[in-house]
Amino acid sequence: MKKMLSRIALGLLLLTFAAIVICFYIDQFTYAYALIVLLLIIFGAMGQLYRLKNDEYMYAKLNRREEYEDYTR
């Protein structure tokens, strides 16, 4: 499932880049810049999600280590 979704996402990313190039070629700058902003928003949201996932992992890791030290002493 994850592999299929990543292929779909990669395909959509390539189509978006192609659409940006085509929009610049046919002098539709507004649409091209809107697509660029859309990509920036999507990549920013993905970065925030990965940061949140990392913060959650680090919080769980720190709490797990304290429990381990309490039980081994």
Protein backbone atom coordinates (compact mmCIF):
# COMPACT_ATOMS: atom_id res chain seq x y z
CA MET A 1 0.00 0.00 0.00
CA LYS A 2 2.77 2.43 0.96
CA LYS A 3 4.71 1.63 -2.22
CA MET A 4 1.63 2.25 -4.36
CA LEU A 5 0.92 5.60 -2.68
CA SER A 6 4.53 6.71 -3.11
CA ARG A 7 4.35 5.91 -6.83
CA ILE A 8 1.14 7.90 -7.16
CA ALA A 9 2.71 10.84 -5.29
CA LEU A 10 5.82 10.72 -7.48
CA GLY A 11 3.64 10.65 -10.61
CA LEU A 12 1.65 13.65 -9.42
CA LEU A 13 4.85 15.50 -8.59
CA LEU A 14 6.22 14.90 -12.09
CA LEU A 15 2.92 16.00 -13.63
CA THR A 16 3.00 19.18 -11.54
CA PHE A 17 6.54 20.00 -12.68
CA ALA A 18 5.49 19.38 -16.29
CA ALA A 19 2.46 21.64 -15.80
CA ILE A 20 4.68 24.41 -14.42
CA VAL A 21 6.99 24.20 -17.44
CA ILE A 22 4.05 24.18 -19.84
CA CYS A 23 2.44 27.17 -18.10
CA PHE A 24 5.65 29.17 -18.43
CA TYR A 25 5.95 28.12 -22.08
CA ILE A 26 2.44 29.29 -22.98
CA ASP A 27 2.81 32.53 -20.99
CA GLN A 28 0.38 31.62 -18.18
CA PHE A 29 2.62 32.91 -15.41
CA THR A 30 -0.15 33.22 -12.83
CA TYR A 31 -0.98 29.51 -13.03
CA ALA A 32 2.70 28.56 -12.98
CA TYR A 33 3.39 30.60 -9.85
CA ALA A 34 0.24 29.26 -8.21
CA LEU A 35 1.48 25.70 -8.82
CA ILE A 36 4.88 26.60 -7.37
CA VAL A 37 3.23 28.03 -4.24
CA LEU A 38 1.09 24.89 -3.99
CA LEU A 39 4.23 22.72 -4.08
CA LEU A 40 5.86 24.85 -1.38
CA ILE A 41 2.79 24.51 0.84
CA ILE A 42 2.71 20.73 0.35
CA PHE A 43 6.43 20.32 1.09
CA GLY A 44 6.13 22.58 4.14
CA ALA A 45 3.23 20.52 5.47
CA MET A 46 5.18 17.31 4.92
CA GLY A 47 8.13 18.76 6.83
CA GLN A 48 5.90 19.70 9.74
CA LEU A 49 4.41 16.19 9.83
CA TYR A 50 7.86 14.58 9.85
CA ARG A 51 8.97 16.95 12.61
CA LEU A 52 5.91 16.10 14.68
CA LYS A 53 6.55 12.38 14.17
CA ASN A 54 10.19 12.84 15.23
CA ASP A 55 9.21 14.84 18.34
CA GLU A 56 6.74 12.13 19.32
CA TYR A 57 9.40 9.44 18.85
CA MET A 58 11.95 11.35 20.92
CA TYR A 59 9.42 11.95 23.72
CA ALA A 60 8.56 8.25 23.84
CA LYS A 61 12.24 7.32 23.75
CA LEU A 62 13.12 9.59 26.67
CA ASN A 63 10.22 8.34 28.80
CA ARG A 64 11.02 4.72 28.03
CA ARG A 65 14.64 5.19 29.15
CA GLU A 66 13.56 6.68 32.50
CA GLU A 67 11.25 3.71 33.15
CA TYR A 68 14.08 1.32 32.29
CA GLU A 69 16.44 3.01 34.75
CA ASP A 70 13.79 2.89 37.50
CA TYR A 71 13.30 -0.84 37.09
CA THR A 72 17.01 -1.74 36.86
CA ARG A 73 18.13 0.10 39.98
